[in-house]
């Protein structure tokens, strides 16, 4: 789990990008039984999609929590997807693609 202070900063960064580029971020949550380790736990997946008027958002980029592993807690899946989204925006700004 992420430190509360770092999580607050992550939320602030997400809010900045949302307001700066007038985008809508949607969140889809799913869960399924663990069929690999056969535990009694469910694996949670978070998918964040970005929708906006810039051509960069035409295909609604998605950020998935399950690309590099699985999460037994829904909060961890959401944080992972949110972190990927914020890092993507930082990268796009650094490349000057959000003009």
PDB file of N, CA and C in Angstrom:
ATOM      1  N   UNK A   1       0.849  -1.185   0.000  1.00  0.00           N
ATOM      2  CA  UNK A   1       0.000   0.000   0.000  1.00  0.00           C
ATOM      3  C   UNK A   1       0.885   1.236   0.000  1.00  0.00           C
ATOM      4  N   UNK A   2       0.436   2.235  -0.703  1.00  0.00           N
ATOM      5  CA  UNK A   2       1.189   3.472  -0.831  1.00  0.00           C
ATOM      6  C   UNK A   2       1.031   4.338   0.414  1.00  0.00           C
ATOM      7  N   UNK A   3       2.087   5.034   0.762  1.00  0.00           N
ATOM      8  CA  UNK A   3       2.072   5.977   1.881  1.00  0.00           C
ATOM      9  C   UNK A   3       0.976   7.022   1.636  1.00  0.00           C
ATOM     10  N   UNK A   4       0.197   7.379   2.664  1.00  0.00           N
ATOM     11  CA  UNK A   4      -0.899   8.345   2.478  1.00  0.00           C
ATOM     12  C   UNK A   4      -0.443   9.680   1.886  1.00  0.00           C
ATOM     13  N   UNK A   5       0.726  10.142   2.261  1.00  0.00           N
ATOM     14  CA  UNK A   5       1.233  11.417   1.734  1.00  0.00           C
ATOM     15  C   UNK A   5       1.512  11.298   0.228  1.00  0.00           C
ATOM     16  N   UNK A   6       2.126  10.196  -0.176  1.00  0.00           N
ATOM     17  CA  UNK A   6       2.389   9.978  -1.604  1.00  0.00           C
ATOM     18  C   UNK A   6       1.090   9.803  -2.387  1.00  0.00           C
ATOM     19  N   UNK A   7       0.110   9.139  -1.768  1.00  0.00           N
ATOM     20  CA  UNK A   7      -1.182   8.952  -2.427  1.00  0.00           C
ATOM     21  C   UNK A   7      -1.886  10.296  -2.625  1.00  0.00           C
ATOM     22  N   UNK A   8      -1.814  11.170  -1.629  1.00  0.00           N
ATOM     23  CA  UNK A   8      -2.396  12.510  -1.772  1.00  0.00           C
ATOM     24  C   UNK A   8      -1.735  13.269  -2.916  1.00  0.00           C
ATOM     25  N   UNK A   9      -0.414  13.155  -3.024  1.00  0.00           N
ATOM     26  CA  UNK A   9       0.296  13.811  -4.125  1.00  0.00           C
ATOM     27  C   UNK A   9      -0.130  13.236  -5.472  1.00  0.00           C
ATOM     28  N   UNK A  10      -0.319  11.925  -5.522  1.00  0.00           N
ATOM     29  CA  UNK A  10      -0.767  11.271  -6.747  1.00  0.00           C
ATOM     30  C   UNK A  10      -2.155  11.779  -7.157  1.00  0.00           C
ATOM     31  N   UNK A  11      -3.051  11.914  -6.192  1.00  0.00           N
ATOM     32  CA  UNK A  11      -4.393  12.447  -6.474  1.00  0.00           C
ATOM     33  C   UNK A  11      -4.332  13.888  -6.955  1.00  0.00           C
ATOM     34  N   UNK A  12      -3.458  14.691  -6.340  1.00  0.00           N
ATOM     35  CA  UNK A  12      -3.301  16.082  -6.760  1.00  0.00           C
ATOM     36  C   UNK A  12      -2.805  16.158  -8.204  1.00  0.00           C
ATOM     37  N   UNK A  13      -1.844  15.301  -8.541  1.00  0.00           N
ATOM     38  CA  UNK A  13      -1.330  15.297  -9.912  1.00  0.00           C
ATOM     39  C   UNK A  13      -2.419  14.883 -10.902  1.00  0.00           C
ATOM     40  N   UNK A  14      -3.190  13.880 -10.550  1.00  0.00           N
ATOM     41  CA  UNK A  14      -4.285  13.450 -11.422  1.00  0.00           C
ATOM     42  C   UNK A  14      -5.299  14.581 -11.603  1.00  0.00           C
ATOM     43  N   UNK A  15      -5.649  15.263 -10.528  1.00  0.00           N
ATOM     44  CA  UNK A  15      -6.587  16.388 -10.614  1.00  0.00           C
ATOM     45  C   UNK A  15      -6.029  17.512 -11.477  1.00  0.00           C
ATOM     46  N   UNK A  16      -4.728  17.757 -11.364  1.00  0.00           N
ATOM     47  CA  UNK A  16      -4.092  18.782 -12.193  1.00  0.00           C
ATOM     48  C   UNK A  16      -4.262  18.440 -13.677  1.00  0.00           C
ATOM     49  N   UNK A  17      -3.938  17.212 -14.057  1.00  0.00           N
ATOM     50  CA  UNK A  17      -4.049  16.817 -15.463  1.00  0.00           C
ATOM     51  C   UNK A  17      -5.500  16.848 -15.932  1.00  0.00           C
ATOM     52  N   UNK A  18      -6.410  16.444 -15.073  1.00  0.00           N
ATOM     53  CA  UNK A  18      -7.834  16.454 -15.427  1.00  0.00           C
ATOM     54  C   UNK A  18      -8.296  17.883 -15.722  1.00  0.00           C
ATOM     55  N   UNK A  19      -7.932  18.828 -14.886  1.00  0.00           N
ATOM     56  CA  UNK A  19      -8.373  20.209 -15.087  1.00  0.00           C
ATOM     57  C   UNK A  19      -7.568  20.909 -16.182  1.00  0.00           C
ATOM     58  N   UNK A  20      -6.285  20.637 -16.267  1.00  0.00           N
ATOM     59  CA  UNK A  20      -5.423  21.284 -17.258  1.00  0.00           C
ATOM     60  C   UNK A  20      -5.834  20.941 -18.686  1.00  0.00           C
ATOM     61  N   UNK A  21      -6.174  19.686 -18.929  1.00  0.00           N
ATOM     62  CA  UNK A  21      -6.475  19.233 -20.286  1.00  0.00           C
ATOM     63  C   UNK A  21      -7.954  18.934 -20.511  1.00  0.00           C
ATOM     64  N   UNK A  22      -8.780  19.275 -19.539  1.00  0.00           N
ATOM     65  CA  UNK A  22     -10.239  19.110 -19.636  1.00  0.00           C
ATOM     66  C   UNK A  22     -10.615  17.705 -20.111  1.00  0.00           C
ATOM     67  N   UNK A  23     -10.176  16.739 -19.365  1.00  0.00           N
ATOM     68  CA  UNK A  23     -10.418  15.347 -19.726  1.00  0.00           C
ATOM     69  C   UNK A  23     -11.368  14.696 -18.732  1.00  0.00           C
ATOM     70  N   UNK A  24     -11.897  13.585 -19.145  1.00  0.00           N
ATOM     71  CA  UNK A  24     -12.709  12.739 -18.267  1.00  0.00           C
ATOM     72  C   UNK A  24     -11.943  11.435 -18.092  1.00  0.00           C
ATOM     73  N   UNK A  25     -11.796  11.021 -16.853  1.00  0.00           N
ATOM     74  CA  UNK A  25     -11.118   9.767 -16.549  1.00  0.00           C
ATOM     75  C   UNK A  25     -12.159   8.809 -15.994  1.00  0.00           C
ATOM     76  N   UNK A  26     -12.324   7.692 -16.673  1.00  0.00           N
ATOM     77  CA  UNK A  26     -13.281   6.698 -16.181  1.00  0.00           C
ATOM     78  C   UNK A  26     -12.518   5.531 -15.558  1.00  0.00           C
ATOM     79  N   UNK A  27     -13.152   4.916 -14.579  1.00  0.00           N
ATOM     80  CA  UNK A  27     -12.548   3.800 -13.856  1.00  0.00           C
ATOM     81  C   UNK A  27     -13.474   2.599 -13.938  1.00  0.00           C
ATOM     82  N   UNK A  28     -12.924   1.473 -14.351  1.00  0.00           N
ATOM     83  CA  UNK A  28     -13.683   0.222 -14.402  1.00  0.00           C
ATOM     84  C   UNK A  28     -12.996  -0.767 -13.466  1.00  0.00           C
ATOM     85  N   UNK A  29     -13.775  -1.369 -12.586  1.00  0.00           N
ATOM     86  CA  UNK A  29     -13.239  -2.336 -11.630  1.00  0.00           C
ATOM     87  C   UNK A  29     -13.842  -3.709 -11.885  1.00  0.00           C
ATOM     88  N   UNK A  30     -12.996  -4.714 -11.868  1.00  0.00           N
ATOM     89  CA  UNK A  30     -13.468  -6.092 -11.996  1.00  0.00           C
ATOM     90  C   UNK A  30     -12.738  -6.954 -10.979  1.00  0.00           C
ATOM     91  N   UNK A  31     -13.308  -8.091 -10.693  1.00  0.00           N
ATOM     92  CA  UNK A  31     -12.606  -9.064  -9.854  1.00  0.00           C
ATOM     93  C   UNK A  31     -12.972 -10.462 -10.331  1.00  0.00           C
ATOM     94  N   UNK A  32     -12.067 -11.382 -10.047  1.00  0.00           N
ATOM     95  CA  UNK A  32     -12.258 -12.773 -10.471  1.00  0.00           C
ATOM     96  C   UNK A  32     -11.520 -13.678  -9.497  1.00  0.00           C
ATOM     97  N   UNK A  33     -11.932 -14.918  -9.414  1.00  0.00           N
ATOM     98  CA  UNK A  33     -11.235 -15.853  -8.519  1.00  0.00           C
ATOM     99  C   UNK A  33      -9.783 -16.071  -8.960  1.00  0.00           C
ATOM    100  N   UNK A  34      -8.926 -16.346  -8.007  1.00  0.00           N
ATOM    101  CA  UNK A  34      -7.523 -16.654  -8.280  1.00  0.00           C
ATOM    102  C   UNK A  34      -7.447 -18.088  -8.803  1.00  0.00           C
ATOM    103  N   UNK A  35      -7.265 -18.231 -10.106  1.00  0.00           N
ATOM    104  CA  UNK A  35      -7.211 -19.567 -10.706  1.00  0.00           C
ATOM    105  C   UNK A  35      -5.781 -20.064 -10.900  1.00  0.00           C
ATOM    106  N   UNK A  36      -4.820 -19.253 -10.514  1.00  0.00           N
ATOM    107  CA  UNK A  36      -3.418 -19.664 -10.641  1.00  0.00           C
ATOM    108  C   UNK A  36      -2.937 -20.324  -9.353  1.00  0.00           C
ATOM    109  N   UNK A  37      -3.186 -19.655  -8.228  1.00  0.00           N
ATOM    110  CA  UNK A  37      -2.725 -20.170  -6.938  1.00  0.00           C
ATOM    111  C   UNK A  37      -3.837 -20.860  -6.153  1.00  0.00           C
ATOM    112  N   UNK A  38      -5.048 -20.798  -6.678  1.00  0.00           N
ATOM    113  CA  UNK A  38      -6.217 -21.445  -6.061  1.00  0.00           C
ATOM    114  C   UNK A  38      -6.394 -21.063  -4.590  1.00  0.00           C
ATOM    115  N   UNK A  39      -6.287 -19.767  -4.334  1.00  0.00           N
ATOM    116  CA  UNK A  39      -6.583 -19.270  -2.991  1.00  0.00           C
ATOM    117  C   UNK A  39      -8.071 -18.958  -2.925  1.00  0.00           C
ATOM    118  N   UNK A  40      -8.545 -18.612  -1.757  1.00  0.00           N
ATOM    119  CA  UNK A  40      -9.944 -18.199  -1.604  1.00  0.00           C
ATOM    120  C   UNK A  40     -10.130 -16.719  -1.934  1.00  0.00           C
ATOM    121  N   UNK A  41      -9.064 -16.070  -2.381  1.00  0.00           N
ATOM    122  CA  UNK A  41      -9.098 -14.635  -2.634  1.00  0.00           C
ATOM    123  C   UNK A  41      -9.456 -14.337  -4.085  1.00  0.00           C
ATOM    124  N   UNK A  42      -9.986 -13.152  -4.293  1.00  0.00           N
ATOM    125  CA  UNK A  42     -10.257 -12.676  -5.645  1.00  0.00           C
ATOM    126  C   UNK A  42      -9.118 -11.781  -6.103  1.00  0.00           C
ATOM    127  N   UNK A  43      -8.875 -11.778  -7.395  1.00  0.00           N
ATOM    128  CA  UNK A  43      -7.892 -10.879  -7.988  1.00  0.00           C
ATOM    129  C   UNK A  43      -8.659  -9.681  -8.539  1.00  0.00           C
ATOM    130  N   UNK A  44      -8.196  -8.488  -8.196  1.00  0.00           N
ATOM    131  CA  UNK A  44      -8.867  -7.252  -8.605  1.00  0.00           C
ATOM    132  C   UNK A  44      -8.101  -6.588  -9.747  1.00  0.00           C
ATOM    133  N   UNK A  45      -8.847  -6.031 -10.663  1.00  0.00           N
ATOM    134  CA  UNK A  45      -8.280  -5.305 -11.793  1.00  0.00           C
ATOM    135  C   UNK A  45      -8.934  -3.932 -11.867  1.00  0.00           C
ATOM    136  N   UNK A  46      -8.104  -2.917 -12.102  1.00  0.00           N
ATOM    137  CA  UNK A  46      -8.597  -1.554 -12.312  1.00  0.00           C
ATOM    138  C   UNK A  46      -8.144  -1.104 -13.697  1.00  0.00           C
ATOM    139  N   UNK A  47      -9.065  -0.509 -14.436  1.00  0.00           N
ATOM    140  CA  UNK A  47      -8.755   0.016 -15.762  1.00  0.00           C
ATOM    141  C   UNK A  47      -9.213   1.471 -15.797  1.00  0.00           C
ATOM    142  N   UNK A  48      -8.264   2.376 -16.029  1.00  0.00           N
ATOM    143  CA  UNK A  48      -8.592   3.797 -16.133  1.00  0.00           C
ATOM    144  C   UNK A  48      -8.473   4.199 -17.599  1.00  0.00           C
ATOM    145  N   UNK A  49      -9.502   4.865 -18.116  1.00  0.00           N
ATOM    146  CA  UNK A  49      -9.524   5.331 -19.505  1.00  0.00           C
ATOM    147  C   UNK A  49      -9.600   6.846 -19.516  1.00  0.00           C
ATOM    148  N   UNK A  50      -8.947   7.449 -20.502  1.00  0.00           N
ATOM    149  CA  UNK A  50      -8.913   8.907 -20.630  1.00  0.00           C
ATOM    150  C   UNK A  50      -9.696   9.308 -21.872  1.00  0.00           C
ATOM    151  N   UNK A  51     -10.599  10.265 -21.713  1.00  0.00           N
ATOM    152  CA  UNK A  51     -11.411  10.773 -22.821  1.00  0.00           C
ATOM    153  C   UNK A  51     -11.269  12.291 -22.852  1.00  0.00           C
ATOM    154  N   UNK A  52     -10.951  12.828 -24.028  1.00  0.00           N
ATOM    155  CA  UNK A  52     -10.802  14.270 -24.155  1.00  0.00           C
ATOM    156  C   UNK A  52     -10.839  14.688 -25.610  1.00  0.00           C
ATOM    157  N   UNK A  53     -10.688  15.995 -25.838  1.00  0.00           N
ATOM    158  CA  UNK A  53     -10.822  16.529 -27.192  1.00  0.00           C
ATOM    159  C   UNK A  53      -9.515  16.512 -27.986  1.00  0.00           C
ATOM    160  N   UNK A  54      -8.373  16.368 -27.336  1.00  0.00           N
ATOM    161  CA  UNK A  54      -7.109  16.322 -28.070  1.00  0.00           C
ATOM    162  C   UNK A  54      -7.017  15.028 -28.877  1.00  0.00           C
ATOM    163  N   UNK A  55      -6.325  15.095 -30.005  1.00  0.00           N
ATOM    164  CA  UNK A  55      -6.193  13.907 -30.854  1.00  0.00           C
ATOM    165  C   UNK A  55      -5.483  12.765 -30.130  1.00  0.00           C
ATOM    166  N   UNK A  56      -4.658  13.097 -29.165  1.00  0.00           N
ATOM    167  CA  UNK A  56      -3.954  12.087 -28.375  1.00  0.00           C
ATOM    168  C   UNK A  56      -4.924  11.188 -27.614  1.00  0.00           C
ATOM    169  N   UNK A  57      -6.116  11.719 -27.314  1.00  0.00           N
ATOM    170  CA  UNK A  57      -7.120  10.963 -26.561  1.00  0.00           C
ATOM    171  C   UNK A  57      -8.166  10.302 -27.460  1.00  0.00           C
ATOM    172  N   UNK A  58      -7.980  10.360 -28.763  1.00  0.00           N
ATOM    173  CA  UNK A  58      -8.986   9.842 -29.701  1.00  0.00           C
ATOM    174  C   UNK A  58      -9.286   8.363 -29.482  1.00  0.00           C
ATOM    175  N   UNK A  59      -8.285   7.596 -29.159  1.00  0.00           N
ATOM    176  CA  UNK A  59      -8.484   6.156 -28.950  1.00  0.00           C
ATOM    177  C   UNK A  59      -8.652   5.802 -27.483  1.00  0.00           C
ATOM    178  N   UNK A  60      -8.920   6.778 -26.645  1.00  0.00           N
ATOM    179  CA  UNK A  60      -9.139   6.588 -25.206  1.00  0.00           C
ATOM    180  C   UNK A  60      -8.070   5.686 -24.582  1.00  0.00           C
ATOM    181  N   UNK A  61      -6.865   6.236 -24.370  1.00  0.00           N
ATOM    182  CA  UNK A  61      -5.798   5.418 -23.772  1.00  0.00           C
ATOM    183  C   UNK A  61      -6.256   4.767 -22.466  1.00  0.00           C
ATOM    184  N   UNK A  62      -5.839   3.528 -22.263  1.00  0.00           N
ATOM    185  CA  UNK A  62      -6.210   2.783 -21.056  1.00  0.00           C
ATOM    186  C   UNK A  62      -4.973   2.461 -20.236  1.00  0.00           C
ATOM    187  N   UNK A  63      -5.157   2.475 -18.930  1.00  0.00           N
ATOM    188  CA  UNK A  63      -4.091   2.147 -17.991  1.00  0.00           C
ATOM    189  C   UNK A  63      -4.610   1.035 -17.099  1.00  0.00           C
ATOM    190  N   UNK A  64      -3.998  -0.132 -17.218  1.00  0.00           N
ATOM    191  CA  UNK A  64      -4.491  -1.342 -16.556  1.00  0.00           C
ATOM    192  C   UNK A  64      -3.583  -1.730 -15.397  1.00  0.00           C
ATOM    193  N   UNK A  65      -4.199  -2.147 -14.317  1.00  0.00           N
ATOM    194  CA  UNK A  65      -3.425  -2.585 -13.156  1.00  0.00           C
ATOM    195  C   UNK A  65      -2.866  -3.984 -13.335  1.00  0.00           C
ATOM    196  N   UNK A  66      -3.406  -4.748 -14.274  1.00  0.00           N
ATOM    197  CA  UNK A  66      -3.000  -6.151 -14.394  1.00  0.00           C
ATOM    198  C   UNK A  66      -1.905  -6.401 -15.430  1.00  0.00           C
ATOM    199  N   UNK A  67      -1.254  -5.347 -15.914  1.00  0.00           N
ATOM    200  CA  UNK A  67      -0.203  -5.537 -16.909  1.00  0.00           C
ATOM    201  C   UNK A  67       1.043  -6.191 -16.318  1.00  0.00           C
ATOM    202  N   UNK A  68       1.363  -5.887 -15.077  1.00  0.00           N
ATOM    203  CA  UNK A  68       2.598  -6.390 -14.465  1.00  0.00           C
ATOM    204  C   UNK A  68       2.336  -7.178 -13.198  1.00  0.00           C
ATOM    205  N   UNK A  69       1.230  -7.837 -13.095  1.00  0.00           N
ATOM    206  CA  UNK A  69       0.949  -8.612 -11.897  1.00  0.00           C
ATOM    207  C   UNK A  69      -0.513  -8.550 -11.524  1.00  0.00           C
ATOM    208  N   UNK A  70      -0.810  -9.111 -10.375  1.00  0.00           N
ATOM    209  CA  UNK A  70      -2.195  -9.181  -9.906  1.00  0.00           C
ATOM    210  C   UNK A  70      -2.282  -8.602  -8.500  1.00  0.00           C
ATOM    211  N   UNK A  71      -3.481  -8.156  -8.135  1.00  0.00           N
ATOM    212  CA  UNK A  71      -3.689  -7.536  -6.829  1.00  0.00           C
ATOM    213  C   UNK A  71      -4.843  -8.214  -6.107  1.00  0.00           C
ATOM    214  N   UNK A  72      -4.617  -8.550  -4.865  1.00  0.00           N
ATOM    215  CA  UNK A  72      -5.661  -9.157  -4.042  1.00  0.00           C
ATOM    216  C   UNK A  72      -6.526  -8.097  -3.367  1.00  0.00           C
ATOM    217  N   UNK A  73      -6.062  -6.852  -3.382  1.00  0.00           N
ATOM    218  CA  UNK A  73      -6.849  -5.766  -2.780  1.00  0.00           C
ATOM    219  C   UNK A  73      -7.226  -4.766  -3.860  1.00  0.00           C
ATOM    220  N   UNK A  74      -8.488  -4.365  -3.854  1.00  0.00           N
ATOM    221  CA  UNK A  74      -8.989  -3.437  -4.865  1.00  0.00           C
ATOM    222  C   UNK A  74      -8.244  -2.106  -4.821  1.00  0.00           C
ATOM    223  N   UNK A  75      -7.962  -1.610  -3.623  1.00  0.00           N
ATOM    224  CA  UNK A  75      -7.253  -0.332  -3.490  1.00  0.00           C
ATOM    225  C   UNK A  75      -5.892  -0.372  -4.170  1.00  0.00           C
ATOM    226  N   UNK A  76      -5.173  -1.484  -4.016  1.00  0.00           N
ATOM    227  CA  UNK A  76      -3.860  -1.602  -4.643  1.00  0.00           C
ATOM    228  C   UNK A  76      -3.964  -1.580  -6.164  1.00  0.00           C
ATOM    229  N   UNK A  77      -4.989  -2.203  -6.706  1.00  0.00           N
ATOM    230  CA  UNK A  77      -5.194  -2.199  -8.157  1.00  0.00           C
ATOM    231  C   UNK A  77      -5.482  -0.780  -8.652  1.00  0.00           C
ATOM    232  N   UNK A  78      -6.290  -0.034  -7.916  1.00  0.00           N
ATOM    233  CA  UNK A  78      -6.618   1.344  -8.299  1.00  0.00           C
ATOM    234  C   UNK A  78      -5.380   2.225  -8.254  1.00  0.00           C
ATOM    235  N   UNK A  79      -4.589   2.100  -7.193  1.00  0.00           N
ATOM    236  CA  UNK A  79      -3.365   2.900  -7.063  1.00  0.00           C
ATOM    237  C   UNK A  79      -2.421   2.595  -8.219  1.00  0.00           C
ATOM    238  N   UNK A  80      -2.282   1.330  -8.586  1.00  0.00           N
ATOM    239  CA  UNK A  80      -1.391   0.945  -9.674  1.00  0.00           C
ATOM    240  C   UNK A  80      -1.826   1.578 -10.993  1.00  0.00           C
ATOM    241  N   UNK A  81      -3.102   1.514 -11.309  1.00  0.00           N
ATOM    242  CA  UNK A  81      -3.610   2.112 -12.552  1.00  0.00           C
ATOM    243  C   UNK A  81      -3.470   3.632 -12.521  1.00  0.00           C
ATOM    244  N   UNK A  82      -3.758   4.233 -11.382  1.00  0.00           N
ATOM    245  CA  UNK A  82      -3.650   5.691 -11.235  1.00  0.00           C
ATOM    246  C   UNK A  82      -2.196   6.141 -11.409  1.00  0.00           C
ATOM    247  N   UNK A  83      -1.270   5.388 -10.835  1.00  0.00           N
ATOM    248  CA  UNK A  83       0.154   5.708 -10.959  1.00  0.00           C
ATOM    249  C   UNK A  83       0.582   5.665 -12.429  1.00  0.00           C
ATOM    250  N   UNK A  84       0.134   4.649 -13.169  1.00  0.00           N
ATOM    251  CA  UNK A  84       0.466   4.536 -14.592  1.00  0.00           C
ATOM    252  C   UNK A  84      -0.093   5.710 -15.382  1.00  0.00           C
ATOM    253  N   UNK A  85      -1.311   6.124 -15.058  1.00  0.00           N
ATOM    254  CA  UNK A  85      -1.938   7.251 -15.740  1.00  0.00           C
ATOM    255  C   UNK A  85      -1.129   8.529 -15.527  1.00  0.00           C
ATOM    256  N   UNK A  86      -0.762   8.819 -14.287  1.00  0.00           N
ATOM    257  CA  UNK A  86      -0.012  10.040 -13.971  1.00  0.00           C
ATOM    258  C   UNK A  86       1.359  10.016 -14.641  1.00  0.00           C
ATOM    259  N   UNK A  87       2.035   8.883 -14.611  1.00  0.00           N
ATOM    260  CA  UNK A  87       3.345   8.775 -15.261  1.00  0.00           C
ATOM    261  C   UNK A  87       3.227   8.984 -16.769  1.00  0.00           C
ATOM    262  N   UNK A  88       2.154   8.485 -17.381  1.00  0.00           N
ATOM    263  CA  UNK A  88       1.939   8.675 -18.810  1.00  0.00           C
ATOM    264  C   UNK A  88       1.769  10.159 -19.135  1.00  0.00           C
ATOM    265  N   UNK A  89       0.979  10.864 -18.327  1.00  0.00           N
ATOM    266  CA  UNK A  89       0.793  12.296 -18.555  1.00  0.00           C
ATOM    267  C   UNK A  89       2.105  13.056 -18.402  1.00  0.00           C
ATOM    268  N   UNK A  90       2.894  12.715 -17.411  1.00  0.00           N
ATOM    269  CA  UNK A  90       4.198  13.369 -17.236  1.00  0.00           C
ATOM    270  C   UNK A  90       5.072  13.138 -18.463  1.00  0.00           C
ATOM    271  N   UNK A  91       5.062  11.921 -18.977  1.00  0.00           N
ATOM    272  CA  UNK A  91       5.849  11.581 -20.156  1.00  0.00           C
ATOM    273  C   UNK A  91       5.359  12.351 -21.380  1.00  0.00           C
ATOM    274  N   UNK A  92       4.051  12.436 -21.566  1.00  0.00           N
ATOM    275  CA  UNK A  92       3.491  13.158 -22.711  1.00  0.00           C
ATOM    276  C   UNK A  92       3.796  14.655 -22.615  1.00  0.00           C
ATOM    277  N   UNK A  93       3.760  15.206 -21.406  1.00  0.00           N
ATOM    278  CA  UNK A  93       4.124  16.618 -21.229  1.00  0.00           C
ATOM    279  C   UNK A  93       5.596  16.839 -21.543  1.00  0.00           C
ATOM    280  N   UNK A  94       6.448  15.937 -21.082  1.00  0.00           N
ATOM    281  CA  UNK A  94       7.883  16.058 -21.336  1.00  0.00           C
ATOM    282  C   UNK A  94       8.183  16.001 -22.833  1.00  0.00           C
ATOM    283  N   UNK A  95       7.399  15.239 -23.571  1.00  0.00           N
ATOM    284  CA  UNK A  95       7.573  15.123 -25.025  1.00  0.00           C
ATOM    285  C   UNK A  95       6.823  16.218 -25.778  1.00  0.00           C
ATOM    286  N   UNK A  96       6.148  17.105 -25.049  1.00  0.00           N
ATOM    287  CA  UNK A  96       5.387  18.218 -25.639  1.00  0.00           C
ATOM    288  C   UNK A  96       4.260  17.745 -26.560  1.00  0.00           C
ATOM    289  N   UNK A  97       3.606  16.660 -26.207  1.00  0.00           N
ATOM    290  CA  UNK A  97       2.531  16.114 -27.037  1.00  0.00           C
ATOM    291  C   UNK A  97       1.135  16.528 -26.571  1.00  0.00           C
ATOM    292  N   UNK A  98       1.057  17.320 -25.532  1.00  0.00           N
ATOM    293  CA  UNK A  98      -0.253  17.713 -24.997  1.00  0.00           C
ATOM    294  C   UNK A  98      -0.568  19.175 -25.303  1.00  0.00           C
ATOM    295  N   UNK A  99      -0.211  19.613 -26.467  1.00  0.00           N
ATOM    296  CA  UNK A  99      -0.448  21.005 -26.870  1.00  0.00           C
ATOM    297  C   UNK A  99      -1.738  21.137 -27.632  1.00  0.00           C
TER     298      UNK A  99
END
